[in-house]
Amino acid sequence: MKLILLLMLLASAGKSQADKVYVCKSGTSYAYHNRLCQGLRKCTHRIDTVTIREAMATGHKKPCGYCYGR
């Protein structure tokens, strides 16, 4: 029983980290990025860490072509 609870906890902890994306807070930004994206490095404004749902709600409706493939 303890093992099952531990596995569930570890699975949920990993999932929440995977759901985090990064957005450039410029007026022209339209995509969300992963942490190591070369496109995100070009951002000269503030970079926020958000969930995909939050990114989409703020106008970052699609994944970046560099870090999520085209």
C-alpha atoms as a PDB file:
ATOM      1  CA  MET A   1       0.000   0.000   0.000  1.00  0.00           C
ATOM      2  CA  LYS A   2       2.785   2.426   0.906  1.00  0.00           C
ATOM      3  CA  LEU A   3       4.557   1.588  -2.328  1.00  0.00           C
ATOM      4  CA  ILE A   4       1.466   2.423  -4.368  1.00  0.00           C
ATOM      5  CA  LEU A   5       1.064   5.761  -2.604  1.00  0.00           C
ATOM      6  CA  LEU A   6       4.729   6.566  -3.139  1.00  0.00           C
ATOM      7  CA  LEU A   7       4.486   5.740  -6.848  1.00  0.00           C
ATOM      8  CA  MET A   8       1.365   7.884  -7.213  1.00  0.00           C
ATOM      9  CA  LEU A   9       3.092  10.783  -5.486  1.00  0.00           C
ATOM     10  CA  LEU A  10       6.158  10.507  -7.716  1.00  0.00           C
ATOM     11  CA  ALA A  11       4.036  10.279 -10.857  1.00  0.00           C
ATOM     12  CA  SER A  12       2.043  13.374  -9.956  1.00  0.00           C
ATOM     13  CA  ALA A  13       5.189  15.339  -9.052  1.00  0.00           C
ATOM     14  CA  GLY A  14       6.751  14.582 -12.430  1.00  0.00           C
ATOM     15  CA  LYS A  15       3.566  15.482 -14.258  1.00  0.00           C
ATOM     16  CA  SER A  16       3.312  18.934 -12.722  1.00  0.00           C
ATOM     17  CA  GLN A  17       6.872  19.743 -13.803  1.00  0.00           C
ATOM     18  CA  ALA A  18       6.160  18.532 -17.356  1.00  0.00           C
ATOM     19  CA  ASP A  19       3.078  20.771 -17.539  1.00  0.00           C
ATOM     20  CA  LYS A  20       5.175  23.906 -16.995  1.00  0.00           C
ATOM     21  CA  VAL A  21       6.021  25.988 -20.036  1.00  0.00           C
ATOM     22  CA  TYR A  22       7.723  29.327 -20.543  1.00  0.00           C
ATOM     23  CA  VAL A  23       6.317  32.423 -22.226  1.00  0.00           C
ATOM     24  CA  CYS A  24       7.951  35.668 -23.276  1.00  0.00           C
ATOM     25  CA  LYS A  25       5.850  38.574 -22.027  1.00  0.00           C
ATOM     26  CA  SER A  26       6.369  40.785 -25.085  1.00  0.00           C
ATOM     27  CA  GLY A  27       3.463  42.207 -27.033  1.00  0.00           C
ATOM     28  CA  THR A  28       4.216  40.062 -30.089  1.00  0.00           C
ATOM     29  CA  SER A  29       4.856  36.690 -28.436  1.00  0.00           C
ATOM     30  CA  TYR A  30       2.384  33.995 -29.516  1.00  0.00           C
ATOM     31  CA  ALA A  31       3.933  30.618 -28.585  1.00  0.00           C
ATOM     32  CA  TYR A  32       4.936  28.776 -25.438  1.00  0.00           C
ATOM     33  CA  HIS A  33       8.348  27.156 -25.015  1.00  0.00           C
ATOM     34  CA  ASN A  34      10.268  24.529 -23.090  1.00  0.00           C
ATOM     35  CA  ARG A  35      13.062  25.518 -20.718  1.00  0.00           C
ATOM     36  CA  LEU A  36      15.968  25.074 -23.154  1.00  0.00           C
ATOM     37  CA  CYS A  37      14.432  26.608 -26.273  1.00  0.00           C
ATOM     38  CA  GLN A  38      16.623  28.686 -28.594  1.00  0.00           C
ATOM     39  CA  GLY A  39      13.611  30.794 -29.536  1.00  0.00           C
ATOM     40  CA  LEU A  40      12.999  31.682 -25.898  1.00  0.00           C
ATOM     41  CA  ARG A  41      16.599  32.874 -25.573  1.00  0.00           C
ATOM     42  CA  LYS A  42      15.765  35.644 -28.062  1.00  0.00           C
ATOM     43  CA  CYS A  43      13.208  37.137 -25.671  1.00  0.00           C
ATOM     44  CA  THR A  44      14.208  40.589 -24.423  1.00  0.00           C
ATOM     45  CA  HIS A  45      11.227  40.903 -22.060  1.00  0.00           C
ATOM     46  CA  ARG A  46      10.221  39.091 -18.869  1.00  0.00           C
ATOM     47  CA  ILE A  47       9.914  35.296 -19.116  1.00  0.00           C
ATOM     48  CA  ASP A  48       7.182  33.679 -17.017  1.00  0.00           C
ATOM     49  CA  THR A  49       6.761  30.029 -16.027  1.00  0.00           C
ATOM     50  CA  VAL A  50       3.126  28.945 -16.399  1.00  0.00           C
ATOM     51  CA  THR A  51       0.987  25.920 -17.159  1.00  0.00           C
ATOM     52  CA  ILE A  52      -0.039  25.219 -20.744  1.00  0.00           C
ATOM     53  CA  ARG A  53      -3.601  26.224 -19.859  1.00  0.00           C
ATOM     54  CA  GLU A  54      -2.420  29.588 -18.489  1.00  0.00           C
ATOM     55  CA  ALA A  55      -0.213  30.139 -21.546  1.00  0.00           C
ATOM     56  CA  MET A  56      -3.145  29.555 -23.877  1.00  0.00           C
ATOM     57  CA  ALA A  57      -5.369  31.861 -21.836  1.00  0.00           C
ATOM     58  CA  THR A  58      -2.841  34.687 -22.240  1.00  0.00           C
ATOM     59  CA  GLY A  59      -2.644  34.367 -26.029  1.00  0.00           C
ATOM     60  CA  HIS A  60       0.245  31.909 -26.366  1.00  0.00           C
ATOM     61  CA  LYS A  61      -1.957  29.496 -28.283  1.00  0.00           C
ATOM     62  CA  LYS A  62       0.576  27.189 -29.909  1.00  0.00           C
ATOM     63  CA  PRO A  63       3.812  25.414 -29.067  1.00  0.00           C
ATOM     64  CA  CYS A  64       7.059  26.866 -30.364  1.00  0.00           C
ATOM     65  CA  GLY A  65       8.283  25.373 -33.637  1.00  0.00           C
ATOM     66  CA  TYR A  66      11.894  25.205 -32.416  1.00  0.00           C
ATOM     67  CA  CYS A  67      11.405  23.285 -29.213  1.00  0.00           C
ATOM     68  CA  TYR A  68       8.252  21.274 -29.988  1.00  0.00           C
ATOM     69  CA  GLY A  69       8.952  20.550 -33.670  1.00  0.00           C
ATOM     70  CA  ARG A  70       7.244  22.025 -36.672  1.00  0.00           C
END
